C-alpha atoms as a PDB file:
ATOM      1  CA  MET A   1      -0.383   0.142   0.094  1.00  0.00           C
ATOM      2  CA  THR A   2       1.568   3.333  -0.942  1.00  0.00           C
ATOM      3  CA  PRO A   3       1.223   6.420   1.447  1.00  0.00           C
ATOM      4  CA  GLU A   4      -1.425   7.888  -1.032  1.00  0.00           C
ATOM      5  CA  GLU A   5      -3.499   4.945  -1.035  1.00  0.00           C
ATOM      6  CA  GLU A   6      -3.085   4.676   3.359  1.00  0.00           C
ATOM      7  CA  GLN A   7      -3.778   8.538   3.572  1.00  0.00           C
ATOM      8  CA  GLN A   8      -7.176   8.127   1.327  1.00  0.00           C
ATOM      9  CA  TYR A   9      -8.354   4.310   1.992  1.00  0.00           C
ATOM     10  CA  GLY A  10      -6.765   3.779   6.122  1.00  0.00           C
ATOM     11  CA  THR A  11      -9.347   3.621   7.913  1.00  0.00           C
ATOM     12  CA  GLU A  12     -11.638   1.487   5.679  1.00  0.00           C
ATOM     13  CA  LEU A  13      -8.659  -0.861   5.055  1.00  0.00           C
ATOM     14  CA  HIS A  14      -8.585  -1.048   8.877  1.00  0.00           C
ATOM     15  CA  ASP A  15     -12.288  -2.259   9.014  1.00  0.00           C
ATOM     16  CA  VAL A  16     -11.456  -4.660   6.182  1.00  0.00           C
ATOM     17  CA  LYS A  17      -8.604  -6.164   8.147  1.00  0.00           C
ATOM     18  CA  ARG A  18     -10.342  -6.158  11.233  1.00  0.00           C
ATOM     19  CA  ALA A  19     -12.802  -8.389   9.318  1.00  0.00           C
ATOM     20  CA  ARG A  20     -10.730 -11.085   8.781  1.00  0.00           C
ATOM     21  CA  THR A  21      -8.771 -10.895  12.305  1.00  0.00           C
ATOM     22  CA  ARG A  22     -12.428 -11.675  13.342  1.00  0.00           C
ATOM     23  CA  LEU A  23     -13.092 -14.717  11.971  1.00  0.00           C
ATOM     24  CA  MET A  24      -9.636 -15.999  12.590  1.00  0.00           C
ATOM     25  CA  VAL A  25      -9.952 -15.374  15.877  1.00  0.00           C
ATOM     26  CA  CYS A  26     -13.185 -17.619  15.753  1.00  0.00           C
ATOM     27  CA  PHE A  27     -11.017 -20.186  13.739  1.00  0.00           C
ATOM     28  CA  LEU A  28      -7.890 -20.497  16.112  1.00  0.00           C
ATOM     29  CA  THR A  29     -10.143 -20.508  19.382  1.00  0.00           C
ATOM     30  CA  PHE A  30     -11.320 -23.928  18.148  1.00  0.00           C
ATOM     31  CA  PRO A  31      -9.125 -26.181  19.843  1.00  0.00           C
ATOM     32  CA  LEU A  32     -10.993 -23.915  23.240  1.00  0.00           C
ATOM     33  CA  TYR A  33     -14.396 -24.836  21.976  1.00  0.00           C
ATOM     34  CA  VAL A  34     -13.434 -28.728  21.691  1.00  0.00           C
ATOM     35  CA  LEU A  35     -11.933 -28.645  24.905  1.00  0.00           C
ATOM     36  CA  ALA A  36     -14.856 -26.952  26.554  1.00  0.00           C
ATOM     37  CA  VAL A  37     -17.668 -29.684  24.668  1.00  0.00           C
ATOM     38  CA  THR A  38     -15.299 -32.197  25.845  1.00  0.00           C
ATOM     39  CA  ARG A  39     -15.163 -31.085  30.012  1.00  0.00           C
ATOM     40  CA  LEU A  40     -18.650 -30.923  29.556  1.00  0.00           C
ATOM     41  CA  LEU A  41     -19.888 -33.813  28.126  1.00  0.00           C
ATOM     42  CA  ASP A  42     -17.313 -35.635  31.037  1.00  0.00           C
ATOM     43  CA  ASN A  43     -19.692 -33.884  33.584  1.00  0.00           C
ATOM     44  CA  GLY A  44     -22.675 -35.047  32.003  1.00  0.00           C
ATOM     45  CA  GLN A  45     -23.676 -31.213  30.935  1.00  0.00           C
ATOM     46  CA  ASP A  46     -25.814 -30.161  27.645  1.00  0.00           C
ATOM     47  CA  ILE A  47     -23.404 -28.810  25.214  1.00  0.00           C
ATOM     48  CA  THR A  48     -26.458 -27.085  22.886  1.00  0.00           C
ATOM     49  CA  TRP A  49     -26.090 -23.910  24.353  1.00  0.00           C
ATOM     50  CA  LEU A  50     -22.096 -23.898  23.858  1.00  0.00           C
ATOM     51  CA  MET A  51     -22.578 -25.278  20.019  1.00  0.00           C
ATOM     52  CA  LEU A  52     -25.362 -22.620  19.081  1.00  0.00           C
ATOM     53  CA  ALA A  53     -23.644 -20.204  20.228  1.00  0.00           C
ATOM     54  CA  TYR A  54     -20.186 -20.857  18.626  1.00  0.00           C
ATOM     55  CA  MET A  55     -22.367 -21.851  15.591  1.00  0.00           C
ATOM     56  CA  ALA A  56     -23.782 -18.022  15.535  1.00  0.00           C
ATOM     57  CA  ILE A  57     -20.455 -16.566  16.459  1.00  0.00           C
ATOM     58  CA  TYR A  58     -18.836 -18.161  13.445  1.00  0.00           C
ATOM     59  CA  ALA A  59     -21.476 -17.561  10.991  1.00  0.00           C
ATOM     60  CA  VAL A  60     -21.574 -13.964  12.309  1.00  0.00           C
ATOM     61  CA  PHE A  61     -18.338 -13.140  11.960  1.00  0.00           C
ATOM     62  CA  GLY A  62     -18.079 -15.251   8.221  1.00  0.00           C
ATOM     63  CA  ILE A  63     -21.185 -13.749   7.002  1.00  0.00           C
ATOM     64  CA  GLY A  64     -19.156 -10.126   8.076  1.00  0.00           C
ATOM     65  CA  MET A  65     -16.211 -11.034   6.278  1.00  0.00           C
ATOM     66  CA  ALA A  66     -17.947 -11.944   2.867  1.00  0.00           C
ATOM     67  CA  VAL A  67     -19.745  -8.736   2.870  1.00  0.00           C
ATOM     68  CA  THR A  68     -16.935  -6.744   3.525  1.00  0.00           C
ATOM     69  CA  ARG A  69     -16.192  -4.251   0.182  1.00  0.00           C
ATOM     70  CA  CYS A  70     -13.254  -2.715  -1.016  1.00  0.00           C
ATOM     71  CA  PRO A  71     -12.827   0.924  -0.402  1.00  0.00           C
ATOM     72  CA  ARG A  72     -11.772   1.422  -4.025  1.00  0.00           C
ATOM     73  CA  CYS A  73     -13.448  -0.643  -6.161  1.00  0.00           C
ATOM     74  CA  ASN A  74     -16.755  -1.725  -3.907  1.00  0.00           C
ATOM     75  CA  GLN A  75     -16.645  -4.979  -4.649  1.00  0.00           C
ATOM     76  CA  GLN A  76     -16.269  -7.912  -2.123  1.00  0.00           C
ATOM     77  CA  PHE A  77     -12.568  -7.710  -0.603  1.00  0.00           C
ATOM     78  CA  TYR A  78     -12.402 -11.513   0.065  1.00  0.00           C
ATOM     79  CA  VAL A  79     -14.775 -12.877  -2.319  1.00  0.00           C
ATOM     80  CA  LYS A  80     -14.048 -13.958  -5.637  1.00  0.00           C
ATOM     81  CA  HIS A  81     -16.768 -15.205  -7.890  1.00  0.00           C
ATOM     82  CA  TYR A  82     -18.355 -17.891  -5.386  1.00  0.00           C
ATOM     83  CA  PHE A  83     -15.630 -18.365  -2.804  1.00  0.00           C
ATOM     84  CA  LEU A  84     -14.186 -16.268   0.179  1.00  0.00           C
ATOM     85  CA  ASN A  85     -10.660 -16.595   0.824  1.00  0.00           C
ATOM     86  CA  PRO A  86      -9.825 -15.383   4.350  1.00  0.00           C
ATOM     87  CA  PHE A  87      -6.225 -15.713   3.948  1.00  0.00           C
ATOM     88  CA  ARG A  88      -5.911 -12.652   1.217  1.00  0.00           C
ATOM     89  CA  ARG A  89      -4.214  -9.570   1.797  1.00  0.00           C
ATOM     90  CA  ARG A  90      -5.332  -7.844  -1.680  1.00  0.00           C
ATOM     91  CA  CYS A  91      -8.819  -7.266  -2.979  1.00  0.00           C
ATOM     92  CA  SER A  92      -9.685 -10.010  -5.174  1.00  0.00           C
ATOM     93  CA  HIS A  93     -11.209  -7.922  -7.944  1.00  0.00           C
ATOM     94  CA  CYS A  94      -8.382  -4.650  -8.100  1.00  0.00           C
ATOM     95  CA  GLU A  95      -5.727  -5.684  -6.366  1.00  0.00           C
ATOM     96  CA  LEU A  96      -5.775  -2.754  -3.326  1.00  0.00           C
ATOM     97  CA  SER A  97      -3.738  -4.212  -0.390  1.00  0.00           C
ATOM     98  CA  PHE A  98      -3.811  -3.332   3.406  1.00  0.00           C
ATOM     99  CA  VAL A  99      -0.458  -4.686   3.738  1.00  0.00           C
ATOM    100  CA  LYS A 100       2.019  -1.871   3.325  1.00  0.00           C
ATOM    101  CA  ASP A 101       4.385  -2.410   0.762  1.00  0.00           C
ATOM    102  CA  PRO A 102       8.362  -2.975   1.731  1.00  0.00           C
ATOM    103  CA  GLY A 103       9.890  -1.300  -0.983  1.00  0.00           C
ATOM    104  CA  VAL A 104       7.654   1.920  -0.506  1.00  0.00           C
ATOM    105  CA  PRO A 105       9.393   4.923   1.322  1.00  0.00           C
ATOM    106  CA  GLN A 106       7.585   5.706   4.610  1.00  0.00           C
END
């Protein structure tokens, strides 16, 4: 990202990155979810509320990431055609990046 793009799209690109971070945190906490389910089942407790809560949070963050728009081209940032790519750092349509280019002077 050039300094001009950072100045022009900085806050919008921060929101794009935040949408990805939310989904990644949910994805990376899956082992904690499995541990919690295992402990609840070992104690003979109901896990329905935990399953529904985790699925709802995952769905909200996934949909939030899928509908996030690029500030430059106004297309879906992480979705090209039908597939969501959460590892993208550039817009799937116009290639706007939310990562600073190492070769661009600050």
